[in-house]
Amino acid sequence: MMTSTEKYLLRQNQELLKQQAEFLKEIKQLNENIAYLTNKLYGRHSEKLGNPNQQSLFEDNSVFTEPEQTGQQSEEPAKTARHVKQNENDLRSSALIFQRKMKYMNLR
């Protein structure tokens, strides 16, 4: 004869075994999904053209034989301003001027 504790433990054991079987089934399904998606992402792919009437950029060389003419093409390159680096003395004097301005503003 089984005691109530033994019955309870047997019932709990059966529930846990059932739950374990469900988890194993879910793990198997998830692993299959991972394998499928990994194959989709990294597996072999064949290149398929969408529209057979669409021109290919690589087959027709006549399109890009001559450069496109724009409105006004200048012979000289555009002039750009040169940026002169500040040396350490310039930076120190700039810092001193800034500090003086800050002192003056704080005194007001």
C-alpha atoms as a PDB file:
ATOM      1  CA  MET A   1       0.000   0.000   0.000  1.00  0.00           C
ATOM      2  CA  MET A   2       1.289   3.452  -0.980  1.00  0.00           C
ATOM      3  CA  THR A   3       1.216   6.407   1.285  1.00  0.00           C
ATOM      4  CA  SER A   4      -0.102   9.767   0.187  1.00  0.00           C
ATOM      5  CA  THR A   5       3.443  11.088  -0.057  1.00  0.00           C
ATOM      6  CA  GLU A   6       4.434   8.287  -2.407  1.00  0.00           C
ATOM      7  CA  LYS A   7       1.355   8.907  -4.587  1.00  0.00           C
ATOM      8  CA  TYR A   8       2.144  12.596  -4.694  1.00  0.00           C
ATOM      9  CA  LEU A   9       5.767  11.922  -5.654  1.00  0.00           C
ATOM     10  CA  LEU A  10       4.746   9.468  -8.402  1.00  0.00           C
ATOM     11  CA  ARG A  11       2.249  11.967  -9.813  1.00  0.00           C
ATOM     12  CA  GLN A  12       4.846  14.747  -9.706  1.00  0.00           C
ATOM     13  CA  ASN A  13       7.419  12.465 -11.356  1.00  0.00           C
ATOM     14  CA  GLN A  14       4.996  11.665 -14.201  1.00  0.00           C
ATOM     15  CA  GLU A  15       4.244  15.358 -14.728  1.00  0.00           C
ATOM     16  CA  LEU A  16       7.946  16.179 -14.806  1.00  0.00           C
ATOM     17  CA  LEU A  17       8.626  13.386 -17.315  1.00  0.00           C
ATOM     18  CA  LYS A  18       5.799  14.691 -19.508  1.00  0.00           C
ATOM     19  CA  GLN A  19       7.168  18.239 -19.239  1.00  0.00           C
ATOM     20  CA  GLN A  20      10.667  16.988 -20.084  1.00  0.00           C
ATOM     21  CA  ALA A  21       9.351  15.229 -23.208  1.00  0.00           C
ATOM     22  CA  GLU A  22       7.642  18.456 -24.319  1.00  0.00           C
ATOM     23  CA  PHE A  23      10.858  20.418 -23.758  1.00  0.00           C
ATOM     24  CA  LEU A  24      12.875  17.892 -25.754  1.00  0.00           C
ATOM     25  CA  LYS A  25      10.353  18.118 -28.598  1.00  0.00           C
ATOM     26  CA  GLU A  26      10.567  21.934 -28.531  1.00  0.00           C
ATOM     27  CA  ILE A  27      14.391  21.839 -28.484  1.00  0.00           C
ATOM     28  CA  LYS A  28      14.378  19.513 -31.492  1.00  0.00           C
ATOM     29  CA  GLN A  29      12.057  21.892 -33.391  1.00  0.00           C
ATOM     30  CA  LEU A  30      14.194  24.915 -32.504  1.00  0.00           C
ATOM     31  CA  ASN A  31      17.367  23.131 -33.657  1.00  0.00           C
ATOM     32  CA  GLU A  32      15.675  22.305 -36.962  1.00  0.00           C
ATOM     33  CA  ASN A  33      14.693  25.970 -37.344  1.00  0.00           C
ATOM     34  CA  ILE A  34      18.275  27.052 -36.642  1.00  0.00           C
ATOM     35  CA  ALA A  35      19.634  24.593 -39.213  1.00  0.00           C
ATOM     36  CA  TYR A  36      17.115  25.754 -41.829  1.00  0.00           C
ATOM     37  CA  LEU A  37      17.780  29.457 -41.258  1.00  0.00           C
ATOM     38  CA  THR A  38      21.552  28.950 -41.183  1.00  0.00           C
ATOM     39  CA  ASN A  39      21.348  27.111 -44.490  1.00  0.00           C
ATOM     40  CA  LYS A  40      19.141  29.875 -45.908  1.00  0.00           C
ATOM     41  CA  LEU A  41      21.608  32.519 -44.787  1.00  0.00           C
ATOM     42  CA  TYR A  42      24.947  30.857 -45.535  1.00  0.00           C
ATOM     43  CA  GLY A  43      24.028  28.023 -47.904  1.00  0.00           C
ATOM     44  CA  ARG A  44      24.505  27.923 -51.665  1.00  0.00           C
ATOM     45  CA  HIS A  45      22.479  30.370 -53.684  1.00  0.00           C
ATOM     46  CA  SER A  46      21.774  30.508 -57.383  1.00  0.00           C
ATOM     47  CA  GLU A  47      21.581  33.901 -59.009  1.00  0.00           C
ATOM     48  CA  LYS A  48      18.187  34.440 -60.587  1.00  0.00           C
ATOM     49  CA  LEU A  49      17.338  37.326 -62.876  1.00  0.00           C
ATOM     50  CA  GLY A  50      14.034  38.978 -62.104  1.00  0.00           C
ATOM     51  CA  ASN A  51      13.004  40.323 -65.501  1.00  0.00           C
ATOM     52  CA  PRO A  52      14.463  38.743 -68.665  1.00  0.00           C
ATOM     53  CA  ASN A  53      13.797  41.970 -70.635  1.00  0.00           C
ATOM     54  CA  GLN A  54      15.909  44.081 -68.268  1.00  0.00           C
ATOM     55  CA  GLN A  55      19.259  45.186 -69.666  1.00  0.00           C
ATOM     56  CA  SER A  56      22.430  44.148 -67.935  1.00  0.00           C
ATOM     57  CA  LEU A  57      25.005  46.775 -67.039  1.00  0.00           C
ATOM     58  CA  PHE A  58      27.848  44.362 -67.674  1.00  0.00           C
ATOM     59  CA  GLU A  59      26.881  43.020 -71.103  1.00  0.00           C
ATOM     60  CA  ASP A  60      26.178  46.272 -72.973  1.00  0.00           C
ATOM     61  CA  ASN A  61      29.408  48.282 -73.238  1.00  0.00           C
ATOM     62  CA  SER A  62      28.015  50.963 -75.578  1.00  0.00           C
ATOM     63  CA  VAL A  63      26.291  52.790 -72.734  1.00  0.00           C
ATOM     64  CA  PHE A  64      29.468  53.895 -70.978  1.00  0.00           C
ATOM     65  CA  THR A  65      31.918  54.401 -73.840  1.00  0.00           C
ATOM     66  CA  GLU A  66      31.991  58.224 -73.728  1.00  0.00           C
ATOM     67  CA  PRO A  67      31.833  60.413 -70.631  1.00  0.00           C
ATOM     68  CA  GLU A  68      28.660  62.344 -70.078  1.00  0.00           C
ATOM     69  CA  GLN A  69      28.830  66.042 -71.028  1.00  0.00           C
ATOM     70  CA  THR A  70      27.585  68.453 -68.408  1.00  0.00           C
ATOM     71  CA  GLY A  71      26.593  72.114 -68.782  1.00  0.00           C
ATOM     72  CA  GLN A  72      29.824  73.964 -68.106  1.00  0.00           C
ATOM     73  CA  GLN A  73      32.964  72.000 -67.559  1.00  0.00           C
ATOM     74  CA  SER A  74      35.836  74.062 -66.225  1.00  0.00           C
ATOM     75  CA  GLU A  75      39.401  73.340 -67.176  1.00  0.00           C
ATOM     76  CA  GLU A  76      40.780  74.616 -63.856  1.00  0.00           C
ATOM     77  CA  PRO A  77      40.106  72.872 -60.589  1.00  0.00           C
ATOM     78  CA  ALA A  78      38.170  74.885 -58.044  1.00  0.00           C
ATOM     79  CA  LYS A  79      40.320  76.807 -55.578  1.00  0.00           C
ATOM     80  CA  THR A  80      40.044  75.786 -51.976  1.00  0.00           C
ATOM     81  CA  ALA A  81      41.111  77.677 -48.894  1.00  0.00           C
ATOM     82  CA  ARG A  82      44.163  76.380 -47.114  1.00  0.00           C
ATOM     83  CA  HIS A  83      43.949  75.664 -43.428  1.00  0.00           C
ATOM     84  CA  VAL A  84      46.991  76.817 -41.484  1.00  0.00           C
ATOM     85  CA  LYS A  85      47.869  74.860 -38.377  1.00  0.00           C
ATOM     86  CA  GLN A  86      48.255  76.836 -35.203  1.00  0.00           C
ATOM     87  CA  ASN A  87      51.503  76.381 -33.416  1.00  0.00           C
ATOM     88  CA  GLU A  88      51.775  75.983 -29.651  1.00  0.00           C
ATOM     89  CA  ASN A  89      52.443  79.693 -29.022  1.00  0.00           C
ATOM     90  CA  ASP A  90      49.295  80.689 -30.906  1.00  0.00           C
ATOM     91  CA  LEU A  91      47.299  78.177 -28.905  1.00  0.00           C
ATOM     92  CA  ARG A  92      48.729  79.433 -25.613  1.00  0.00           C
ATOM     93  CA  SER A  93      47.964  83.050 -26.474  1.00  0.00           C
ATOM     94  CA  SER A  94      44.437  82.084 -27.540  1.00  0.00           C
ATOM     95  CA  ALA A  95      43.960  80.286 -24.236  1.00  0.00           C
ATOM     96  CA  LEU A  96      45.203  83.321 -22.296  1.00  0.00           C
ATOM     97  CA  ILE A  97      42.859  85.643 -24.179  1.00  0.00           C
ATOM     98  CA  PHE A  98      39.974  83.290 -23.490  1.00  0.00           C
ATOM     99  CA  GLN A  99      40.828  83.136 -19.783  1.00  0.00           C
ATOM    100  CA  ARG A 100      40.997  86.943 -19.574  1.00  0.00           C
ATOM    101  CA  LYS A 101      37.611  87.261 -21.268  1.00  0.00           C
ATOM    102  CA  MET A 102      36.112  84.757 -18.853  1.00  0.00           C
ATOM    103  CA  LYS A 103      37.540  86.650 -15.845  1.00  0.00           C
ATOM    104  CA  TYR A 104      36.170  89.911 -17.213  1.00  0.00           C
ATOM    105  CA  MET A 105      32.717  88.363 -17.733  1.00  0.00           C
ATOM    106  CA  ASN A 106      32.689  86.873 -14.223  1.00  0.00           C
ATOM    107  CA  LEU A 107      33.599  90.225 -12.643  1.00  0.00           C
ATOM    108  CA  ARG A 108      30.579  91.931 -14.154  1.00  0.00           C
END
